[in-house]
Amino acid sequence: MATSTIKDVRTEPDQGFPPSLSVPSDVRLTVDADDFGRLSAANPELRLERAADGGLIVMTPASPDGGGRELELGAQLRNWNKATGLGKAFSPSTGFTLPDGSIRAPDASWIRRDRWEALDERERRRFSRITPDFAAEIRSPSDSIADLRAKMADYLAQGVRLGWLIDPQSRTVEVYRPGREPETLTAPKEISGEDVLPGFTLDLAEILDG
């Protein structure tokens, strides 16, 4: 999913303000965690993230091609989880508050059931303060591979146990594990969820080849 610092801030038309505010590219907007939740609720059509320092990030909507790849990944993850009952799978619109204060929304994610059920109901209904056990990103044509690699490294630093960076452009999958260098797989037909997603094998045919 393509990301960039937000360039447009809209206001309610009945407030008498202009409908949008153009922000120069060298200006960075910041927002605290509470206001981020309000901003997200007021703009349900946007997929927003918050950097650790409060910087506001907007993710552009997926193209039909990219959205199809995301759906395929999420569907396979959900089907495996529904069959095993081992945890909770989440869609790309799900935001998590990580230990460094950032709020991130991976293209696909999963949390072990005992960890998820340890959260109270109130915490589950907000940007939950929990790090997914598994997180995956699918590169879109407008994404910087360097930015995505940095994002995957951040996931690991915050406690993610297994990460996949799937790049349909190069037909590669980079596998991220704590304490190890990323492993690059070229044109794999499938990939194992290892001990984090036991028994899960992702069929990559419709994700890498479209």
N, C-alpha and C. Protein backbone atom coordinates (compact mmCIF):
# COMPACT_ATOMS: atom_id res chain seq x y z
N MET A 1 0.85 -1.19 0.00
CA MET A 1 0.00 0.00 0.00
C MET A 1 0.88 1.24 0.00
N ALA A 2 0.67 2.14 -0.96
CA ALA A 2 1.50 3.33 -1.06
C ALA A 2 1.26 4.26 0.12
N THR A 3 2.32 4.88 0.62
CA THR A 3 2.19 5.78 1.75
C THR A 3 2.92 7.08 1.47
N SER A 4 2.44 8.15 2.09
CA SER A 4 3.12 9.44 1.99
C SER A 4 2.63 10.32 3.12
N THR A 5 3.40 11.35 3.46
CA THR A 5 2.93 12.31 4.44
C THR A 5 1.70 13.00 3.88
N ILE A 6 0.69 13.17 4.72
CA ILE A 6 -0.58 13.69 4.22
C ILE A 6 -0.42 15.10 3.65
N LYS A 7 -1.04 15.34 2.52
CA LYS A 7 -0.89 16.62 1.82
C LYS A 7 -2.15 17.47 1.91
N ASP A 8 -3.25 16.92 2.41
CA ASP A 8 -4.52 17.65 2.37
C ASP A 8 -5.26 17.46 3.68
N VAL A 9 -5.71 18.55 4.27
CA VAL A 9 -6.50 18.49 5.49
C VAL A 9 -7.83 19.14 5.21
N ARG A 10 -8.90 18.37 5.33
CA ARG A 10 -10.21 18.91 5.00
C ARG A 10 -10.95 19.35 6.25
N THR A 11 -11.82 20.33 6.10
CA THR A 11 -12.64 20.80 7.20
C THR A 11 -14.10 20.67 6.82
N GLU A 12 -14.97 20.66 7.82
CA GLU A 12 -16.39 20.58 7.55
C GLU A 12 -16.86 21.86 6.86
N PRO A 13 -17.60 21.75 5.75
CA PRO A 13 -18.00 22.95 5.01
C PRO A 13 -18.86 23.91 5.81
N ASP A 14 -19.64 23.41 6.78
CA ASP A 14 -20.51 24.31 7.53
C ASP A 14 -19.75 25.12 8.57
N GLN A 15 -18.44 24.91 8.68
CA GLN A 15 -17.66 25.71 9.62
C GLN A 15 -17.22 27.04 8.98
N GLY A 16 -17.45 27.19 7.70
CA GLY A 16 -17.08 28.42 7.04
C GLY A 16 -15.63 28.47 6.60
N PHE A 17 -14.90 27.36 6.69
CA PHE A 17 -13.52 27.31 6.25
C PHE A 17 -13.45 26.77 4.83
N PRO A 18 -12.33 27.00 4.14
CA PRO A 18 -12.16 26.39 2.84
C PRO A 18 -12.24 24.87 2.96
N PRO A 19 -12.68 24.16 1.91
CA PRO A 19 -12.86 22.72 2.00
C PRO A 19 -11.56 21.95 2.13
N SER A 20 -10.43 22.58 1.84
CA SER A 20 -9.17 21.87 1.97
C SER A 20 -8.04 22.85 2.25
N LEU A 21 -6.99 22.31 2.83
CA LEU A 21 -5.79 23.10 3.12
C LEU A 21 -4.62 22.42 2.43
N SER A 22 -3.95 23.14 1.55
CA SER A 22 -2.81 22.58 0.84
C SER A 22 -1.55 22.74 1.69
N VAL A 23 -0.84 21.64 1.94
CA VAL A 23 0.33 21.66 2.80
C VAL A 23 1.58 21.46 1.96
N PRO A 24 2.57 22.36 2.04
CA PRO A 24 3.82 22.18 1.27
C PRO A 24 4.50 20.86 1.61
N SER A 25 5.22 20.31 0.64
CA SER A 25 5.83 18.99 0.81
C SER A 25 6.87 18.95 1.92
N ASP A 26 7.44 20.12 2.26
CA ASP A 26 8.46 20.14 3.32
C ASP A 26 7.87 20.42 4.70
N VAL A 27 6.54 20.45 4.80
CA VAL A 27 5.87 20.65 6.08
C VAL A 27 5.31 19.31 6.53
N ARG A 28 5.59 18.96 7.78
CA ARG A 28 5.14 17.68 8.32
C ARG A 28 4.11 17.93 9.41
N LEU A 29 2.96 17.32 9.28
CA LEU A 29 1.91 17.48 10.27
C LEU A 29 2.03 16.40 11.34
N THR A 30 1.79 16.77 12.58
CA THR A 30 1.82 15.81 13.68
C THR A 30 0.49 15.83 14.42
N VAL A 31 0.16 14.71 15.05
CA VAL A 31 -1.10 14.58 15.76
C VAL A 31 -0.88 13.63 16.94
N ASP A 32 -1.53 13.93 18.08
CA ASP A 32 -1.38 13.00 19.20
C ASP A 32 -2.32 11.81 19.02
N ALA A 33 -2.15 10.80 19.85
CA ALA A 33 -2.87 9.55 19.65
C ALA A 33 -4.39 9.73 19.73
N ASP A 34 -4.87 10.53 20.68
CA ASP A 34 -6.31 10.73 20.81
C ASP A 34 -6.88 11.45 19.61
N ASP A 35 -6.19 12.50 19.16
CA ASP A 35 -6.68 13.24 18.00
C ASP A 35 -6.58 12.40 16.73
N PHE A 36 -5.61 11.48 16.67
CA PHE A 36 -5.51 10.60 15.52
C PHE A 36 -6.76 9.73 15.41
N GLY A 37 -7.24 9.23 16.54
CA GLY A 37 -8.47 8.44 16.52
C GLY A 37 -9.66 9.24 16.04
N ARG A 38 -9.76 10.48 16.47
CA ARG A 38 -10.86 11.34 16.03
C ARG A 38 -10.74 11.65 14.54
N LEU A 39 -9.51 11.91 14.09
CA LEU A 39 -9.28 12.21 12.68
C LEU A 39 -9.64 11.02 11.80
N SER A 40 -9.26 9.83 12.23
CA SER A 40 -9.58 8.63 11.47
C SER A 40 -11.08 8.41 11.39
N ALA A 41 -11.77 8.63 12.51
CA ALA A 41 -13.23 8.45 12.53
C ALA A 41 -13.93 9.45 11.62
N ALA A 42 -13.36 10.65 11.51
CA ALA A 42 -13.97 11.69 10.67
C ALA A 42 -13.66 11.50 9.19
N ASN A 43 -12.69 10.62 8.88
CA ASN A 43 -12.28 10.40 7.49
C ASN A 43 -12.24 8.89 7.20
N PRO A 44 -13.39 8.22 7.26
CA PRO A 44 -13.41 6.76 7.11
C PRO A 44 -12.96 6.29 5.73
N GLU A 45 -12.97 7.19 4.76
CA GLU A 45 -12.55 6.79 3.41
C GLU A 45 -11.04 6.76 3.25
N LEU A 46 -10.32 7.28 4.24
CA LEU A 46 -8.86 7.30 4.19
C LEU A 46 -8.28 6.21 5.07
N ARG A 47 -7.10 5.71 4.70
CA ARG A 47 -6.36 4.79 5.56
C ARG A 47 -5.14 5.56 6.08
N LEU A 48 -5.21 5.91 7.35
CA LEU A 48 -4.19 6.75 7.95
C LEU A 48 -3.30 5.93 8.89
N GLU A 49 -2.06 6.37 9.02
CA GLU A 49 -1.15 5.82 10.01
C GLU A 49 -0.48 6.97 10.74
N ARG A 50 0.07 6.65 11.92
CA ARG A 50 0.77 7.65 12.73
C ARG A 50 2.17 7.14 13.03
N ALA A 51 3.19 7.93 12.70
CA ALA A 51 4.56 7.56 13.00
C ALA A 51 4.82 7.68 14.49
N ALA A 52 5.94 7.12 14.95
CA ALA A 52 6.26 7.14 16.38
C ALA A 52 6.36 8.55 16.93
N ASP A 53 6.80 9.51 16.10
CA ASP A 53 6.94 10.89 16.55
C ASP A 53 5.67 11.70 16.35
N GLY A 54 4.58 11.04 15.98
CA GLY A 54 3.30 11.72 15.78
C GLY A 54 3.05 12.17 14.35
N GLY A 55 4.01 11.97 13.46
CA GLY A 55 3.82 12.37 12.07
C GLY A 55 2.66 11.63 11.43
N LEU A 56 1.84 12.39 10.71
CA LEU A 56 0.65 11.83 10.09
C LEU A 56 0.98 11.30 8.70
N ILE A 57 0.54 10.08 8.40
CA ILE A 57 0.79 9.42 7.12
C ILE A 57 -0.54 9.00 6.53
N VAL A 58 -0.72 9.25 5.23
CA VAL A 58 -1.92 8.79 4.54
C VAL A 58 -1.53 7.74 3.52
N MET A 59 -2.28 6.65 3.48
CA MET A 59 -2.05 5.59 2.51
C MET A 59 -3.09 5.71 1.41
N THR A 60 -2.62 5.78 0.18
CA THR A 60 -3.54 5.94 -0.94
C THR A 60 -4.37 4.67 -1.11
N PRO A 61 -5.59 4.80 -1.63
CA PRO A 61 -6.42 3.62 -1.87
C PRO A 61 -5.74 2.65 -2.82
N ALA A 62 -5.98 1.37 -2.61
CA ALA A 62 -5.40 0.36 -3.49
C ALA A 62 -6.08 0.39 -4.85
N SER A 63 -5.31 0.13 -5.89
CA SER A 63 -5.88 -0.07 -7.21
C SER A 63 -6.64 -1.39 -7.22
N PRO A 64 -7.51 -1.63 -8.21
CA PRO A 64 -8.18 -2.94 -8.27
C PRO A 64 -7.18 -4.10 -8.28
N ASP A 65 -6.06 -3.92 -8.97
CA ASP A 65 -5.04 -4.96 -9.00
C ASP A 65 -4.48 -5.20 -7.60
N GLY A 66 -4.07 -4.11 -6.95
CA GLY A 66 -3.50 -4.25 -5.62
C GLY A 66 -4.52 -4.73 -4.60
N GLY A 67 -5.75 -4.23 -4.71
CA GLY A 67 -6.79 -4.65 -3.79
C GLY A 67 -7.09 -6.14 -3.91
N GLY A 68 -7.03 -6.65 -5.14
CA GLY A 68 -7.25 -8.08 -5.35
C GLY A 68 -6.17 -8.92 -4.69
N ARG A 69 -4.92 -8.45 -4.77
CA ARG A 69 -3.83 -9.18 -4.12
C ARG A 69 -3.98 -9.17 -2.60
N GLU A 70 -4.36 -8.01 -2.05
CA GLU A 70 -4.58 -7.91 -0.61
C GLU A 70 -5.69 -8.85 -0.16
N LEU A 71 -6.77 -8.88 -0.95
CA LEU A 71 -7.91 -9.72 -0.60
C LEU A 71 -7.52 -11.19 -0.61
N GLU A 72 -6.74 -11.59 -1.61
CA GLU A 72 -6.31 -12.99 -1.70
C GLU A 72 -5.47 -13.39 -0.49
N LEU A 73 -4.53 -12.53 -0.11
CA LEU A 73 -3.71 -12.80 1.06
C LEU A 73 -4.58 -12.91 2.31
N GLY A 74 -5.45 -11.93 2.49
CA GLY A 74 -6.30 -11.93 3.67
C GLY A 74 -7.26 -13.12 3.72
N ALA A 75 -7.77 -13.52 2.56
CA ALA A 75 -8.72 -14.63 2.51
C ALA A 75 -8.04 -15.94 2.90
N GLN A 76 -6.83 -16.15 2.38
CA GLN A 76 -6.13 -17.38 2.72
C GLN A 76 -5.77 -17.42 4.21
N LEU A 77 -5.36 -16.27 4.74
CA LEU A 77 -5.03 -16.20 6.17
C LEU A 77 -6.27 -16.45 7.01
N ARG A 78 -7.39 -15.85 6.62
CA ARG A 78 -8.63 -16.03 7.38
C ARG A 78 -9.10 -17.47 7.32
N ASN A 79 -9.04 -18.09 6.15
CA ASN A 79 -9.52 -19.47 6.02
C ASN A 79 -8.70 -20.42 6.89
N TRP A 80 -7.38 -20.22 6.91
CA TRP A 80 -6.54 -21.04 7.77
C TRP A 80 -6.90 -20.81 9.23
N ASN A 81 -7.06 -19.56 9.61
CA ASN A 81 -7.36 -19.25 11.01
C ASN A 81 -8.72 -19.78 11.42
N LYS A 82 -9.69 -19.70 10.51
CA LYS A 82 -11.03 -20.21 10.84
C LYS A 82 -10.98 -21.72 11.06
N ALA A 83 -10.14 -22.42 10.29
CA ALA A 83 -10.04 -23.87 10.42
C ALA A 83 -9.30 -24.27 11.69
N THR A 84 -8.32 -23.48 12.11
CA THR A 84 -7.51 -23.85 13.26
C THR A 84 -7.97 -23.22 14.57
N GLY A 85 -8.58 -22.04 14.48
CA GLY A 85 -9.02 -21.34 15.68
C GLY A 85 -7.88 -20.88 16.57
N LEU A 86 -6.70 -20.68 15.97
CA LEU A 86 -5.52 -20.36 16.77
C LEU A 86 -5.38 -18.89 17.14
N GLY A 87 -6.11 -18.04 16.45
CA GLY A 87 -5.93 -16.61 16.73
C GLY A 87 -6.98 -15.76 16.07
N LYS A 88 -6.57 -14.55 15.70
CA LYS A 88 -7.46 -13.57 15.09
C LYS A 88 -6.75 -12.94 13.91
N ALA A 89 -7.37 -12.99 12.73
CA ALA A 89 -6.81 -12.39 11.52
C ALA A 89 -7.46 -11.02 11.30
N PHE A 90 -6.70 -10.09 10.69
CA PHE A 90 -7.18 -8.71 10.55
C PHE A 90 -7.00 -8.20 9.12
N SER A 91 -7.89 -7.30 8.73
CA SER A 91 -7.88 -6.71 7.40
C SER A 91 -6.91 -5.53 7.32
N PRO A 92 -6.65 -4.99 6.11
CA PRO A 92 -5.73 -3.86 5.96
C PRO A 92 -6.19 -2.58 6.64
N SER A 93 -7.45 -2.49 7.00
CA SER A 93 -7.94 -1.26 7.63
C SER A 93 -7.76 -1.27 9.15
N THR A 94 -7.14 -2.32 9.69
CA THR A 94 -6.98 -2.44 11.14
C THR A 94 -5.70 -1.76 11.62
N GLY A 95 -5.84 -0.83 12.54
CA GLY A 95 -4.68 -0.13 13.09
C GLY A 95 -4.32 -0.64 14.47
N PHE A 96 -3.03 -0.78 14.73
CA PHE A 96 -2.53 -1.22 16.03
C PHE A 96 -1.61 -0.14 16.60
N THR A 97 -1.73 0.12 17.90
CA THR A 97 -0.81 1.03 18.57
C THR A 97 0.37 0.21 19.07
N LEU A 98 1.55 0.47 18.51
CA LEU A 98 2.74 -0.30 18.85
C LEU A 98 3.46 0.33 20.04
N PRO A 99 4.39 -0.38 20.66
CA PRO A 99 5.05 0.13 21.87
C PRO A 99 5.72 1.49 21.70
N ASP A 100 6.19 1.82 20.50
CA ASP A 100 6.86 3.11 20.30
C ASP A 100 5.88 4.26 20.09
N GLY A 101 4.57 3.98 20.15
CA GLY A 101 3.55 5.01 19.99
C GLY A 101 3.03 5.14 18.58
N SER A 102 3.66 4.49 17.63
CA SER A 102 3.17 4.54 16.25
C SER A 102 1.87 3.76 16.14
N ILE A 103 1.05 4.12 15.15
CA ILE A 103 -0.18 3.39 14.86
C ILE A 103 -0.07 2.91 13.42
N ARG A 104 0.01 1.59 13.25
CA ARG A 104 0.28 1.00 11.95
C ARG A 104 -0.84 0.06 11.52
N ALA A 105 -1.02 -0.06 10.21
CA ALA A 105 -2.07 -0.90 9.65
C ALA A 105 -1.48 -1.78 8.54
N PRO A 106 -0.94 -2.95 8.89
CA PRO A 106 -0.38 -3.84 7.86
C PRO A 106 -1.43 -4.28 6.85
N ASP A 107 -0.98 -4.71 5.68
CA ASP A 107 -1.91 -5.20 4.67
C ASP A 107 -2.59 -6.49 5.12
N ALA A 108 -1.93 -7.27 5.95
CA ALA A 108 -2.54 -8.44 6.60
C ALA A 108 -1.82 -8.64 7.92
N SER A 109 -2.55 -9.11 8.93
CA SER A 109 -1.93 -9.31 10.24
C SER A 109 -2.70 -10.37 11.01
N TRP A 110 -2.05 -10.87 12.05
CA TRP A 110 -2.64 -11.95 12.84
C TRP A 110 -2.07 -11.90 14.26
N ILE A 111 -2.94 -12.21 15.24
CA ILE A 111 -2.55 -12.24 16.64
C ILE A 111 -3.00 -13.56 17.26
N ARG A 112 -2.13 -14.17 18.05
CA ARG A 112 -2.43 -15.41 18.74
C ARG A 112 -3.63 -15.21 19.66
N ARG A 113 -4.50 -16.21 19.74
CA ARG A 113 -5.77 -16.07 20.44
C ARG A 113 -5.62 -15.66 21.91
N ASP A 114 -4.70 -16.28 22.64
CA ASP A 114 -4.59 -15.95 24.06
C ASP A 114 -4.18 -14.51 24.27
N ARG A 115 -3.35 -13.97 23.37
CA ARG A 115 -2.94 -12.57 23.49
C ARG A 115 -4.10 -11.65 23.18
N TRP A 116 -4.87 -11.97 22.15
CA TRP A 116 -6.00 -11.13 21.78
C TRP A 116 -7.07 -11.15 22.87
N GLU A 117 -7.36 -12.32 23.41
CA GLU A 117 -8.42 -12.42 24.41
C GLU A 117 -8.01 -11.82 25.75
N ALA A 118 -6.72 -11.56 25.93
CA ALA A 118 -6.26 -10.90 27.16
C ALA A 118 -6.61 -9.41 27.17
N LEU A 119 -6.93 -8.86 25.99
CA LEU A 119 -7.33 -7.45 25.92
C LEU A 119 -8.78 -7.29 26.36
N ASP A 120 -9.08 -6.22 27.11
CA ASP A 120 -10.47 -6.00 27.48
C ASP A 120 -11.25 -5.44 26.29
N GLU A 121 -12.56 -5.43 26.43
CA GLU A 121 -13.43 -5.02 25.32
C GLU A 121 -13.15 -3.59 24.87
N ARG A 122 -12.89 -2.70 25.81
CA ARG A 122 -12.63 -1.31 25.45
C ARG A 122 -11.38 -1.20 24.60
N GLU A 123 -10.34 -1.95 24.98
CA GLU A 123 -9.10 -1.89 24.23
C GLU A 123 -9.27 -2.47 22.82
N ARG A 124 -10.10 -3.47 22.67
CA ARG A 124 -10.32 -4.07 21.36
C ARG A 124 -11.04 -3.13 20.40
N ARG A 125 -11.79 -2.17 20.95
CA ARG A 125 -12.60 -1.29 20.11
C ARG A 125 -11.87 -0.01 19.71
N ARG A 126 -10.59 0.09 20.10
CA ARG A 126 -9.79 1.25 19.69
C ARG A 126 -8.61 0.74 18.88
N PHE A 127 -7.61 1.60 18.62
CA PHE A 127 -6.39 1.13 17.99
C PHE A 127 -5.60 0.38 19.07
N SER A 128 -5.90 -0.90 19.20
CA SER A 128 -5.44 -1.70 20.34
C SER A 128 -3.94 -1.59 20.57
N ARG A 129 -3.57 -1.50 21.84
CA ARG A 129 -2.16 -1.47 22.22
C ARG A 129 -1.63 -2.89 22.26
N ILE A 130 -1.32 -3.39 21.09
CA ILE A 130 -0.82 -4.75 20.96
C ILE A 130 -0.07 -4.86 19.63
N THR A 131 1.00 -5.63 19.63
CA THR A 131 1.77 -5.85 18.42
C THR A 131 1.34 -7.17 17.79
N PRO A 132 1.00 -7.19 16.50
CA PRO A 132 0.64 -8.47 15.87
C PRO A 132 1.81 -9.46 15.93
N ASP A 133 1.48 -10.73 16.00
CA ASP A 133 2.50 -11.77 15.90
C ASP A 133 3.02 -11.87 14.47
N PHE A 134 2.14 -11.60 13.51
CA PHE A 134 2.46 -11.69 12.09
C PHE A 134 1.97 -10.44 11.38
N ALA A 135 2.79 -9.93 10.45
CA ALA A 135 2.39 -8.77 9.64
C ALA A 135 2.95 -8.92 8.24
N ALA A 136 2.17 -8.52 7.25
CA ALA A 136 2.60 -8.61 5.86
C ALA A 136 2.26 -7.32 5.12
N GLU A 137 3.12 -6.97 4.17
CA GLU A 137 2.89 -5.82 3.29
C GLU A 137 3.05 -6.30 1.84
N ILE A 138 2.20 -5.78 0.97
CA ILE A 138 2.31 -6.05 -0.47
C ILE A 138 2.70 -4.75 -1.15
N ARG A 139 3.78 -4.76 -1.88
CA ARG A 139 4.27 -3.55 -2.53
C ARG A 139 3.39 -3.16 -3.71
N SER A 140 3.01 -1.89 -3.77
CA SER A 140 2.30 -1.35 -4.92
C SER A 140 3.30 -0.62 -5.81
N PRO A 141 2.95 -0.32 -7.07
CA PRO A 141 3.90 0.34 -7.98
C PRO A 141 4.45 1.65 -7.46
N SER A 142 3.69 2.36 -6.64
CA SER A 142 4.14 3.66 -6.15
C SER A 142 4.94 3.57 -4.85
N ASP A 143 5.06 2.38 -4.28
CA ASP A 143 5.77 2.22 -3.02
C ASP A 143 7.28 2.22 -3.22
N SER A 144 7.98 2.88 -2.33
CA SER A 144 9.44 2.79 -2.27
C SER A 144 9.82 1.51 -1.54
N ILE A 145 10.63 0.67 -2.17
CA ILE A 145 11.03 -0.57 -1.52
C ILE A 145 11.85 -0.27 -0.26
N ALA A 146 12.64 0.81 -0.28
CA ALA A 146 13.41 1.17 0.91
C ALA A 146 12.49 1.52 2.07
N ASP A 147 11.41 2.27 1.78
CA ASP A 147 10.47 2.63 2.83
C ASP A 147 9.77 1.40 3.40
N LEU A 148 9.41 0.47 2.53
CA LEU A 148 8.73 -0.74 3.00
C LEU A 148 9.68 -1.61 3.83
N ARG A 149 10.94 -1.68 3.42
CA ARG A 149 11.90 -2.45 4.21
C ARG A 149 12.09 -1.83 5.59
N ALA A 150 12.12 -0.52 5.64
CA ALA A 150 12.24 0.16 6.93
C ALA A 150 11.01 -0.11 7.79
N LYS A 151 9.85 -0.16 7.16
CA LYS A 151 8.62 -0.44 7.88
C LYS A 151 8.63 -1.86 8.44
N MET A 152 9.12 -2.81 7.65
CA MET A 152 9.20 -4.18 8.14
C MET A 152 10.19 -4.29 9.30
N ALA A 153 11.31 -3.58 9.21
CA ALA A 153 12.28 -3.57 10.31
C ALA A 153 11.65 -2.98 11.58
N ASP A 154 10.82 -1.95 11.41
CA ASP A 154 10.13 -1.36 12.55
C ASP A 154 9.17 -2.37 13.18
N TYR A 155 8.47 -3.12 12.34
CA TYR A 155 7.56 -4.15 12.87
C TYR A 155 8.32 -5.11 13.79
N LEU A 156 9.47 -5.60 13.31
CA LEU A 156 10.25 -6.53 14.11
C LEU A 156 10.71 -5.88 15.41
N ALA A 157 11.15 -4.64 15.33
CA ALA A 157 11.63 -3.94 16.52
C ALA A 157 10.52 -3.77 17.56
N GLN A 158 9.28 -3.76 17.10
CA GLN A 158 8.14 -3.58 18.00
C GLN A 158 7.54 -4.91 18.47
N GLY A 159 8.11 -6.03 18.01
CA GLY A 159 7.66 -7.32 18.54
C GLY A 159 7.00 -8.27 17.58
N VAL A 160 6.87 -7.91 16.31
CA VAL A 160 6.33 -8.85 15.31
C VAL A 160 7.28 -10.04 15.21
N ARG A 161 6.72 -11.25 15.18
CA ARG A 161 7.53 -12.47 15.19
C ARG A 161 7.81 -13.01 13.79
N LEU A 162 6.99 -12.63 12.81
CA LEU A 162 7.19 -13.06 11.43
C LEU A 162 6.59 -12.00 10.52
N GLY A 163 7.36 -11.59 9.52
CA GLY A 163 6.88 -10.59 8.57
C GLY A 163 7.19 -10.99 7.15
N TRP A 164 6.27 -10.65 6.23
CA TRP A 164 6.48 -10.90 4.81
C TRP A 164 6.34 -9.59 4.05
N LEU A 165 7.32 -9.29 3.21
CA LEU A 165 7.23 -8.18 2.27
C LEU A 165 7.11 -8.80 0.89
N ILE A 166 5.94 -8.72 0.32
CA ILE A 166 5.64 -9.36 -0.96
C ILE A 166 5.72 -8.31 -2.06
N ASP A 167 6.57 -8.55 -3.05
CA ASP A 167 6.81 -7.58 -4.12
C ASP A 167 6.45 -8.20 -5.47
N PRO A 168 5.24 -7.97 -5.97
CA PRO A 168 4.85 -8.53 -7.26
C PRO A 168 5.71 -8.01 -8.42
N GLN A 169 6.30 -6.81 -8.27
CA GLN A 169 7.11 -6.25 -9.36
C GLN A 169 8.37 -7.09 -9.61
N SER A 170 9.04 -7.50 -8.55
CA SER A 170 10.25 -8.30 -8.69
C SER A 170 9.96 -9.79 -8.50
N ARG A 171 8.70 -10.11 -8.18
CA ARG A 171 8.28 -11.49 -7.92
C ARG A 171 9.13 -12.11 -6.81
N THR A 172 9.31 -11.36 -5.74
CA THR A 172 10.06 -11.83 -4.60
C THR A 172 9.24 -11.70 -3.33
N VAL A 173 9.64 -12.47 -2.32
CA VAL A 173 9.09 -12.33 -0.97
C VAL A 173 10.27 -12.23 -0.02
N GLU A 174 10.29 -11.19 0.78
CA GLU A 174 11.31 -11.05 1.81
C GLU A 174 10.70 -11.48 3.14
N VAL A 175 11.38 -12.43 3.79
CA VAL A 175 10.89 -12.98 5.05
C VAL A 175 11.68 -12.36 6.20
N TYR A 176 10.96 -11.78 7.16
CA TYR A 176 11.57 -11.10 8.30
C TYR A 176 11.31 -11.89 9.57
N ARG A 177 12.42 -12.17 10.29
CA ARG A 177 12.35 -12.90 11.55
C ARG A 177 13.23 -12.17 12.57
N PRO A 178 12.85 -12.14 13.83
CA PRO A 178 13.66 -11.45 14.85
C PRO A 178 15.07 -12.02 14.93
N GLY A 179 16.05 -11.12 15.02
CA GLY A 179 17.42 -11.52 15.23
C GLY A 179 18.12 -12.11 14.02
N ARG A 180 17.49 -12.02 12.85
CA ARG A 180 18.08 -12.58 11.64
C ARG A 180 17.97 -11.58 10.49
N GLU A 181 18.87 -11.70 9.53
CA GLU A 181 18.78 -10.89 8.33
C GLU A 181 17.58 -11.35 7.50
N PRO A 182 16.92 -10.43 6.79
CA PRO A 182 15.81 -10.85 5.94
C PRO A 182 16.25 -11.88 4.90
N GLU A 183 15.38 -12.82 4.64
CA GLU A 183 15.63 -13.84 3.62
C GLU A 183 14.80 -13.52 2.39
N THR A 184 15.43 -13.47 1.22
CA THR A 184 14.73 -13.16 -0.02
C THR A 184 14.48 -14.42 -0.81
N LEU A 185 13.21 -14.67 -1.12
CA LEU A 185 12.80 -15.80 -1.94
C LEU A 185 12.40 -15.28 -3.31
N THR A 186 12.93 -15.85 -4.37
CA THR A 186 12.64 -15.41 -5.73
C THR A 186 11.61 -16.32 -6.39
N ALA A 187 10.51 -15.71 -6.81
CA ALA A 187 9.42 -16.41 -7.50
C ALA A 187 8.97 -17.67 -6.78
N PRO A 188 8.75 -17.61 -5.46
CA PRO A 188 8.27 -18.82 -4.77
C PRO A 188 6.82 -19.11 -5.15
N LYS A 189 6.48 -20.37 -5.18
CA LYS A 189 5.10 -20.75 -5.46
C LYS A 189 4.25 -20.67 -4.20
N GLU A 190 4.90 -20.87 -3.05
CA GLU A 190 4.19 -20.81 -1.78
C GLU A 190 5.19 -20.44 -0.70
N ILE A 191 4.66 -20.10 0.47
CA ILE A 191 5.53 -19.74 1.59
C ILE A 191 4.90 -20.22 2.88
N SER A 192 5.73 -20.73 3.78
CA SER A 192 5.25 -21.31 5.02
C SER A 192 5.10 -20.26 6.11
N GLY A 193 4.09 -20.44 6.94
CA GLY A 193 3.90 -19.60 8.11
C GLY A 193 4.77 -20.00 9.28
N GLU A 194 5.55 -21.05 9.10
CA GLU A 194 6.53 -21.51 10.09
C GLU A 194 5.85 -21.77 11.44
N ASP A 195 6.56 -21.54 12.53
CA ASP A 195 5.99 -21.83 13.84
C ASP A 195 5.08 -20.72 14.35
N VAL A 196 5.07 -19.57 13.67
CA VAL A 196 4.19 -18.47 14.08
C VAL A 196 2.76 -18.73 13.61
N LEU A 197 2.62 -19.21 12.37
CA LEU A 197 1.33 -19.57 11.79
C LEU A 197 1.39 -21.07 11.46
N PRO A 198 1.35 -21.93 12.47
CA PRO A 198 1.59 -23.35 12.24
C PRO A 198 0.58 -23.99 11.30
N GLY A 199 1.10 -24.65 10.27
CA GLY A 199 0.24 -25.33 9.32
C GLY A 199 -0.24 -24.44 8.18
N PHE A 200 0.08 -23.15 8.22
CA PHE A 200 -0.37 -22.24 7.16
C PHE A 200 0.66 -22.18 6.04
N THR A 201 0.20 -22.37 4.82
CA THR A 201 1.03 -22.20 3.63
C THR A 201 0.30 -21.27 2.68
N LEU A 202 0.92 -20.16 2.35
CA LEU A 202 0.31 -19.18 1.45
C LEU A 202 0.62 -19.55 0.00
N ASP A 203 -0.43 -19.77 -0.79
CA ASP A 203 -0.30 -20.00 -2.23
C ASP A 203 -0.13 -18.63 -2.89
N LEU A 204 1.01 -18.41 -3.54
CA LEU A 204 1.33 -17.08 -4.07
C LEU A 204 0.93 -16.87 -5.52
N ALA A 205 0.30 -17.84 -6.15
CA ALA A 205 0.00 -17.76 -7.58
C ALA A 205 -0.78 -16.49 -7.93
N GLU A 206 -1.84 -16.19 -7.20
CA GLU A 206 -2.68 -15.04 -7.53
C GLU A 206 -2.16 -13.75 -6.93
N ILE A 207 -1.13 -13.85 -6.10
CA ILE A 207 -0.58 -12.65 -5.47
C ILE A 207 0.64 -12.14 -6.24
N LEU A 208 1.53 -13.03 -6.60
CA LEU A 208 2.71 -12.62 -7.38
C LEU A 208 2.39 -12.47 -8.86
N ASP A 209 1.50 -13.32 -9.37
CA ASP A 209 1.21 -13.30 -10.81
C ASP A 209 -0.07 -12.55 -11.14
N GLY A 210 -0.84 -12.23 -10.14
CA GLY A 210 -2.07 -11.49 -10.37
C GLY A 210 -3.14 -12.34 -10.99
